[in-house]
Amino acid sequence: MKEIALKVEGMSCGHCVRAVESALAELPGVTVESVQIGSAKVLVEDRRTVSSIVDAISDAGYAAEELVG
């Protein structure tokens, strides 16, 4: 499994954190490590799932991008 760190914009409260956690938890092959205001860390089985992670966060109403490095 590979750890992916994400920057998540638009989060401001606990409700936002729960919304992103829920969106990520529904994705197959993704294990949520942590979600905090402004960021998320997940474990993925396949790198191709990064775009589905960003899409799921977007569908929940937030903007996300992978942090590289």
N, C-alpha and C. Protein backbone atom coordinates (compact mmCIF):
# COMPACT_ATOMS: atom_id res chain seq x y z
N MET A 1 0.85 -1.18 0.00
CA MET A 1 0.00 0.00 0.00
C MET A 1 0.89 1.24 0.00
N LYS A 2 0.38 2.28 -0.58
CA LYS A 2 1.12 3.54 -0.71
C LYS A 2 0.38 4.64 0.04
N GLU A 3 1.12 5.44 0.81
CA GLU A 3 0.51 6.57 1.51
C GLU A 3 0.44 7.77 0.58
N ILE A 4 -0.73 8.42 0.55
CA ILE A 4 -0.95 9.62 -0.24
C ILE A 4 -1.34 10.74 0.72
N ALA A 5 -0.63 11.86 0.63
CA ALA A 5 -0.97 13.06 1.42
C ALA A 5 -1.66 14.04 0.49
N LEU A 6 -2.72 14.64 0.98
CA LEU A 6 -3.51 15.56 0.18
C LEU A 6 -3.69 16.89 0.89
N LYS A 7 -3.68 17.96 0.10
CA LYS A 7 -4.08 19.27 0.58
C LYS A 7 -5.55 19.40 0.23
N VAL A 8 -6.37 19.77 1.21
CA VAL A 8 -7.80 19.89 0.98
C VAL A 8 -8.22 21.32 1.33
N GLU A 9 -8.78 22.01 0.35
CA GLU A 9 -9.20 23.40 0.56
C GLU A 9 -10.71 23.49 0.75
N GLY A 10 -11.12 24.45 1.56
CA GLY A 10 -12.54 24.70 1.77
C GLY A 10 -13.08 24.13 3.07
N MET A 11 -12.24 23.41 3.82
CA MET A 11 -12.68 22.84 5.09
C MET A 11 -12.52 23.88 6.20
N SER A 12 -13.51 23.94 7.10
CA SER A 12 -13.41 24.93 8.17
C SER A 12 -13.90 24.43 9.53
N CYS A 13 -14.43 23.20 9.59
CA CYS A 13 -14.99 22.74 10.86
C CYS A 13 -15.04 21.22 10.91
N GLY A 14 -15.50 20.71 12.03
CA GLY A 14 -15.62 19.27 12.22
C GLY A 14 -16.56 18.62 11.23
N HIS A 15 -17.62 19.32 10.85
CA HIS A 15 -18.54 18.78 9.85
C HIS A 15 -17.81 18.54 8.52
N CYS A 16 -16.95 19.46 8.15
CA CYS A 16 -16.17 19.33 6.92
C CYS A 16 -15.26 18.10 6.99
N VAL A 17 -14.62 17.92 8.13
CA VAL A 17 -13.74 16.77 8.33
C VAL A 17 -14.54 15.48 8.16
N ARG A 18 -15.70 15.39 8.79
CA ARG A 18 -16.53 14.18 8.69
C ARG A 18 -17.02 13.95 7.26
N ALA A 19 -17.33 15.02 6.54
CA ALA A 19 -17.79 14.88 5.16
C ALA A 19 -16.68 14.30 4.28
N VAL A 20 -15.46 14.76 4.45
CA VAL A 20 -14.34 14.25 3.67
C VAL A 20 -14.03 12.82 4.09
N GLU A 21 -14.03 12.53 5.39
CA GLU A 21 -13.80 11.16 5.87
C GLU A 21 -14.81 10.20 5.26
N SER A 22 -16.07 10.58 5.27
CA SER A 22 -17.13 9.73 4.72
C SER A 22 -16.94 9.50 3.23
N ALA A 23 -16.61 10.54 2.50
CA ALA A 23 -16.40 10.41 1.06
C ALA A 23 -15.24 9.46 0.76
N LEU A 24 -14.18 9.56 1.53
CA LEU A 24 -13.02 8.70 1.31
C LEU A 24 -13.28 7.27 1.74
N ALA A 25 -14.01 7.08 2.81
CA ALA A 25 -14.29 5.75 3.34
C ALA A 25 -15.10 4.90 2.35
N GLU A 26 -15.83 5.54 1.46
CA GLU A 26 -16.65 4.82 0.49
C GLU A 26 -15.85 4.31 -0.71
N LEU A 27 -14.61 4.74 -0.85
CA LEU A 27 -13.82 4.35 -2.02
C LEU A 27 -13.15 2.99 -1.82
N PRO A 28 -13.33 2.08 -2.78
CA PRO A 28 -12.65 0.79 -2.68
C PRO A 28 -11.14 0.94 -2.82
N GLY A 29 -10.39 0.20 -2.04
CA GLY A 29 -8.94 0.24 -2.11
C GLY A 29 -8.31 1.41 -1.39
N VAL A 30 -9.11 2.16 -0.63
CA VAL A 30 -8.61 3.34 0.09
C VAL A 30 -8.86 3.16 1.59
N THR A 31 -7.83 3.35 2.38
CA THR A 31 -7.93 3.32 3.83
C THR A 31 -7.61 4.72 4.35
N VAL A 32 -8.52 5.31 5.11
CA VAL A 32 -8.32 6.65 5.64
C VAL A 32 -7.41 6.58 6.86
N GLU A 33 -6.28 7.28 6.81
CA GLU A 33 -5.38 7.36 7.96
C GLU A 33 -5.76 8.54 8.84
N SER A 34 -5.94 9.72 8.23
CA SER A 34 -6.33 10.89 9.01
C SER A 34 -6.92 11.94 8.10
N VAL A 35 -7.83 12.71 8.67
CA VAL A 35 -8.38 13.87 7.98
C VAL A 35 -8.41 15.00 9.01
N GLN A 36 -7.81 16.11 8.65
CA GLN A 36 -7.81 17.30 9.49
C GLN A 36 -8.21 18.47 8.61
N ILE A 37 -8.58 19.56 9.21
CA ILE A 37 -8.91 20.74 8.43
C ILE A 37 -7.69 21.09 7.55
N GLY A 38 -7.89 21.03 6.25
CA GLY A 38 -6.84 21.39 5.31
C GLY A 38 -6.01 20.25 4.77
N SER A 39 -6.19 19.03 5.32
CA SER A 39 -5.36 17.93 4.83
C SER A 39 -6.00 16.57 5.08
N ALA A 40 -5.48 15.60 4.35
CA ALA A 40 -5.91 14.22 4.54
C ALA A 40 -4.75 13.31 4.18
N LYS A 41 -4.69 12.15 4.83
CA LYS A 41 -3.72 11.11 4.51
C LYS A 41 -4.49 9.81 4.37
N VAL A 42 -4.20 9.12 3.26
CA VAL A 42 -4.86 7.85 3.00
C VAL A 42 -3.83 6.83 2.54
N LEU A 43 -4.18 5.57 2.69
CA LEU A 43 -3.40 4.48 2.11
C LEU A 43 -4.18 3.97 0.92
N VAL A 44 -3.49 3.76 -0.19
CA VAL A 44 -4.16 3.27 -1.40
C VAL A 44 -3.47 2.00 -1.88
N GLU A 45 -4.26 1.14 -2.50
CA GLU A 45 -3.72 -0.09 -3.06
C GLU A 45 -3.10 0.15 -4.42
N ASP A 46 -3.53 1.19 -5.12
CA ASP A 46 -3.11 1.42 -6.50
C ASP A 46 -3.05 2.93 -6.74
N ARG A 47 -1.97 3.40 -7.35
CA ARG A 47 -1.80 4.84 -7.60
C ARG A 47 -2.91 5.40 -8.50
N ARG A 48 -3.54 4.55 -9.31
CA ARG A 48 -4.60 5.04 -10.18
C ARG A 48 -5.78 5.57 -9.39
N THR A 49 -5.85 5.26 -8.12
CA THR A 49 -6.98 5.71 -7.32
C THR A 49 -6.86 7.17 -6.89
N VAL A 50 -5.71 7.80 -7.11
CA VAL A 50 -5.53 9.20 -6.69
C VAL A 50 -6.58 10.10 -7.34
N SER A 51 -6.83 9.91 -8.61
CA SER A 51 -7.83 10.76 -9.28
C SER A 51 -9.22 10.50 -8.71
N SER A 52 -9.52 9.26 -8.33
CA SER A 52 -10.83 8.98 -7.74
C SER A 52 -10.94 9.59 -6.34
N ILE A 53 -9.83 9.69 -5.64
CA ILE A 53 -9.82 10.33 -4.32
C ILE A 53 -10.11 11.83 -4.47
N VAL A 54 -9.41 12.47 -5.40
CA VAL A 54 -9.63 13.90 -5.65
C VAL A 54 -11.07 14.14 -6.09
N ASP A 55 -11.59 13.27 -6.96
CA ASP A 55 -12.98 13.40 -7.42
C ASP A 55 -13.97 13.25 -6.28
N ALA A 56 -13.74 12.29 -5.38
CA ALA A 56 -14.65 12.06 -4.25
C ALA A 56 -14.67 13.27 -3.32
N ILE A 57 -13.51 13.86 -3.08
CA ILE A 57 -13.44 15.05 -2.23
C ILE A 57 -14.14 16.22 -2.92
N SER A 58 -13.95 16.33 -4.22
CA SER A 58 -14.62 17.38 -4.99
C SER A 58 -16.14 17.21 -4.93
N ASP A 59 -16.61 15.97 -5.07
CA ASP A 59 -18.05 15.69 -4.99
C ASP A 59 -18.62 16.04 -3.62
N ALA A 60 -17.77 15.98 -2.58
CA ALA A 60 -18.20 16.35 -1.23
C ALA A 60 -18.18 17.86 -1.02
N GLY A 61 -17.67 18.61 -2.01
CA GLY A 61 -17.72 20.07 -1.94
C GLY A 61 -16.40 20.76 -1.61
N TYR A 62 -15.29 20.03 -1.73
CA TYR A 62 -13.99 20.59 -1.37
C TYR A 62 -13.01 20.38 -2.52
N ALA A 63 -11.94 21.14 -2.53
CA ALA A 63 -10.91 20.99 -3.56
C ALA A 63 -9.72 20.27 -2.95
N ALA A 64 -9.15 19.34 -3.71
CA ALA A 64 -8.02 18.57 -3.19
C ALA A 64 -6.94 18.41 -4.26
N GLU A 65 -5.71 18.28 -3.78
CA GLU A 65 -4.59 17.97 -4.66
C GLU A 65 -3.58 17.16 -3.87
N GLU A 66 -2.91 16.27 -4.57
CA GLU A 66 -1.90 15.45 -3.93
C GLU A 66 -0.68 16.29 -3.59
N LEU A 67 -0.13 16.09 -2.39
CA LEU A 67 1.11 16.75 -1.99
C LEU A 67 2.25 15.81 -2.38
N VAL A 68 3.15 16.29 -3.20
CA VAL A 68 4.25 15.47 -3.67
C VAL A 68 5.53 15.92 -2.97
N GLY A 69 6.29 14.93 -2.51
CA GLY A 69 7.57 15.26 -1.89
C GLY A 69 7.53 15.01 -0.49
